[in-house]
């Protein structure tokens, strides 16, 4: 599943752990991007 993100990915991209601004990270929110 594309929604699954391994813990190692969070360690490599801590900046992606921005739940407060989902609009800034549409890649992490395919439901918003609709890509």
PDB file of N, CA and C in Angstrom:
ATOM      1  N   UNK A   1       0.833  -1.216   0.000  1.00  0.00           N
ATOM      2  CA  UNK A   1       0.000   0.000   0.000  1.00  0.00           C
ATOM      3  C   UNK A   1       0.863   1.261   0.000  1.00  0.00           C
ATOM      4  N   UNK A   2       0.506   2.243  -0.806  1.00  0.00           N
ATOM      5  CA  UNK A   2       1.279   3.493  -0.896  1.00  0.00           C
ATOM      6  C   UNK A   2       1.215   4.300   0.395  1.00  0.00           C
ATOM      7  N   UNK A   3       0.207   4.011   1.227  1.00  0.00           N
ATOM      8  CA  UNK A   3       0.071   4.753   2.482  1.00  0.00           C
ATOM      9  C   UNK A   3       1.067   4.254   3.519  1.00  0.00           C
ATOM     10  N   UNK A   4       1.583   3.030   3.302  1.00  0.00           N
ATOM     11  CA  UNK A   4       2.525   2.447   4.265  1.00  0.00           C
ATOM     12  C   UNK A   4       3.897   3.101   4.149  1.00  0.00           C
ATOM     13  N   UNK A   5       4.404   3.573   5.282  1.00  0.00           N
ATOM     14  CA  UNK A   5       5.726   4.190   5.286  1.00  0.00           C
ATOM     15  C   UNK A   5       6.572   3.588   6.403  1.00  0.00           C
ATOM     16  N   UNK A   6       7.642   2.889   6.039  1.00  0.00           N
ATOM     17  CA  UNK A   6       8.527   2.258   7.031  1.00  0.00           C
ATOM     18  C   UNK A   6       9.160   3.291   7.952  1.00  0.00           C
ATOM     19  N   UNK A   7       9.483   2.850   9.176  1.00  0.00           N
ATOM     20  CA  UNK A   7      10.069   3.777  10.150  1.00  0.00           C
ATOM     21  C   UNK A   7      11.378   4.359   9.628  1.00  0.00           C
ATOM     22  N   UNK A   8      12.109   3.549   8.844  1.00  0.00           N
ATOM     23  CA  UNK A   8      13.385   4.007   8.317  1.00  0.00           C
ATOM     24  C   UNK A   8      13.185   5.213   7.407  1.00  0.00           C
ATOM     25  N   UNK A   9      12.020   5.278   6.749  1.00  0.00           N
ATOM     26  CA  UNK A   9      11.748   6.399   5.853  1.00  0.00           C
ATOM     27  C   UNK A   9      11.580   7.688   6.649  1.00  0.00           C
ATOM     28  N   UNK A  10      10.970   7.566   7.834  1.00  0.00           N
ATOM     29  CA  UNK A  10      10.780   8.743   8.683  1.00  0.00           C
ATOM     30  C   UNK A  10      12.128   9.260   9.174  1.00  0.00           C
ATOM     31  N   UNK A  11      13.037   8.323   9.432  1.00  0.00           N
ATOM     32  CA  UNK A  11      14.352   8.727   9.916  1.00  0.00           C
ATOM     33  C   UNK A  11      15.135   9.428   8.806  1.00  0.00           C
ATOM     34  N   UNK A  12      14.902   8.984   7.569  1.00  0.00           N
ATOM     35  CA  UNK A  12      15.612   9.562   6.440  1.00  0.00           C
ATOM     36  C   UNK A  12      14.989  10.889   6.023  1.00  0.00           C
ATOM     37  N   UNK A  13      13.677  11.028   6.295  1.00  0.00           N
ATOM     38  CA  UNK A  13      12.971  12.254   5.914  1.00  0.00           C
ATOM     39  C   UNK A  13      12.111  12.766   7.064  1.00  0.00           C
ATOM     40  N   UNK A  14      12.760  13.271   8.112  1.00  0.00           N
ATOM     41  CA  UNK A  14      12.029  13.770   9.286  1.00  0.00           C
ATOM     42  C   UNK A  14      11.164  14.980   8.927  1.00  0.00           C
ATOM     43  N   UNK A  15      11.563  15.701   7.881  1.00  0.00           N
ATOM     44  CA  UNK A  15      10.806  16.885   7.489  1.00  0.00           C
ATOM     45  C   UNK A  15       9.454  16.492   6.901  1.00  0.00           C
ATOM     46  N   UNK A  16       9.350  15.233   6.450  1.00  0.00           N
ATOM     47  CA  UNK A  16       8.086  14.769   5.877  1.00  0.00           C
ATOM     48  C   UNK A  16       7.057  14.493   6.968  1.00  0.00           C
ATOM     49  N   UNK A  17       7.540  14.468   8.218  1.00  0.00           N
ATOM     50  CA  UNK A  17       6.627  14.184   9.330  1.00  0.00           C
ATOM     51  C   UNK A  17       5.907  15.468   9.747  1.00  0.00           C
ATOM     52  N   UNK A  18       5.328  16.142   8.748  1.00  0.00           N
ATOM     53  CA  UNK A  18       4.647  17.411   9.017  1.00  0.00           C
ATOM     54  C   UNK A  18       3.141  17.226   8.893  1.00  0.00           C
ATOM     55  N   UNK A  19       2.548  16.634   9.920  1.00  0.00           N
ATOM     56  CA  UNK A  19       1.113  16.340   9.888  1.00  0.00           C
ATOM     57  C   UNK A  19       0.282  17.614   9.999  1.00  0.00           C
ATOM     58  N   UNK A  20       0.905  18.681  10.497  1.00  0.00           N
ATOM     59  CA  UNK A  20       0.159  19.924  10.711  1.00  0.00           C
ATOM     60  C   UNK A  20      -0.156  20.609   9.379  1.00  0.00           C
ATOM     61  N   UNK A  21       0.682  20.368   8.368  1.00  0.00           N
ATOM     62  CA  UNK A  21       0.469  20.997   7.062  1.00  0.00           C
ATOM     63  C   UNK A  21       0.436  19.947   5.950  1.00  0.00           C
ATOM     64  N   UNK A  22      -0.653  19.216   5.853  1.00  0.00           N
ATOM     65  CA  UNK A  22      -0.781  18.157   4.839  1.00  0.00           C
ATOM     66  C   UNK A  22      -0.774  18.727   3.423  1.00  0.00           C
ATOM     67  N   UNK A  23      -1.193  19.968   3.274  1.00  0.00           N
ATOM     68  CA  UNK A  23      -1.240  20.589   1.950  1.00  0.00           C
ATOM     69  C   UNK A  23       0.170  20.814   1.407  1.00  0.00           C
ATOM     70  N   UNK A  24       1.140  20.940   2.315  1.00  0.00           N
ATOM     71  CA  UNK A  24       2.514  21.162   1.890  1.00  0.00           C
ATOM     72  C   UNK A  24       3.159  19.849   1.435  1.00  0.00           C
ATOM     73  N   UNK A  25       2.559  18.737   1.836  1.00  0.00           N
ATOM     74  CA  UNK A  25       3.091  17.432   1.460  1.00  0.00           C
ATOM     75  C   UNK A  25       2.004  16.569   0.828  1.00  0.00           C
ATOM     76  N   UNK A  26       1.549  16.934  -0.384  1.00  0.00           N
ATOM     77  CA  UNK A  26       0.478  16.192  -1.062  1.00  0.00           C
ATOM     78  C   UNK A  26       0.906  14.767  -1.404  1.00  0.00           C
ATOM     79  N   UNK A  27       2.223  14.538  -1.479  1.00  0.00           N
ATOM     80  CA  UNK A  27       2.729  13.210  -1.811  1.00  0.00           C
ATOM     81  C   UNK A  27       2.350  12.220  -0.720  1.00  0.00           C
ATOM     82  N   UNK A  28       2.317  12.711   0.531  1.00  0.00           N
ATOM     83  CA  UNK A  28       1.966  11.846   1.650  1.00  0.00           C
ATOM     84  C   UNK A  28       0.454  11.709   1.780  1.00  0.00           C
ATOM     85  N   UNK A  29      -0.276  12.516   1.006  1.00  0.00           N
ATOM     86  CA  UNK A  29      -1.738  12.486   1.084  1.00  0.00           C
ATOM     87  C   UNK A  29      -2.343  12.340  -0.318  1.00  0.00           C
ATOM     88  N   UNK A  30      -2.284  11.107  -0.856  1.00  0.00           N
ATOM     89  CA  UNK A  30      -2.808  10.845  -2.211  1.00  0.00           C
ATOM     90  C   UNK A  30      -4.291  11.186  -2.326  1.00  0.00           C
ATOM     91  N   UNK A  31      -5.016  11.138  -1.214  1.00  0.00           N
ATOM     92  CA  UNK A  31      -6.446  11.446  -1.212  1.00  0.00           C
ATOM     93  C   UNK A  31      -6.653  12.921  -1.551  1.00  0.00           C
ATOM     94  N   UNK A  32      -5.695  13.766  -1.130  1.00  0.00           N
ATOM     95  CA  UNK A  32      -5.800  15.198  -1.396  1.00  0.00           C
ATOM     96  C   UNK A  32      -5.295  15.533  -2.798  1.00  0.00           C
ATOM     97  N   UNK A  33      -4.209  14.863  -3.176  1.00  0.00           N
ATOM     98  CA  UNK A  33      -3.618  15.133  -4.489  1.00  0.00           C
ATOM     99  C   UNK A  33      -4.461  14.560  -5.613  1.00  0.00           C
ATOM    100  N   UNK A  34      -4.978  13.352  -5.419  1.00  0.00           N
ATOM    101  CA  UNK A  34      -5.804  12.733  -6.443  1.00  0.00           C
ATOM    102  C   UNK A  34      -4.983  12.369  -7.664  1.00  0.00           C
ATOM    103  N   UNK A  35      -3.691  12.203  -7.447  1.00  0.00           N
ATOM    104  CA  UNK A  35      -2.807  11.879  -8.553  1.00  0.00           C
ATOM    105  C   UNK A  35      -2.969  10.416  -8.932  1.00  0.00           C
TER     106      UNK A  35
END
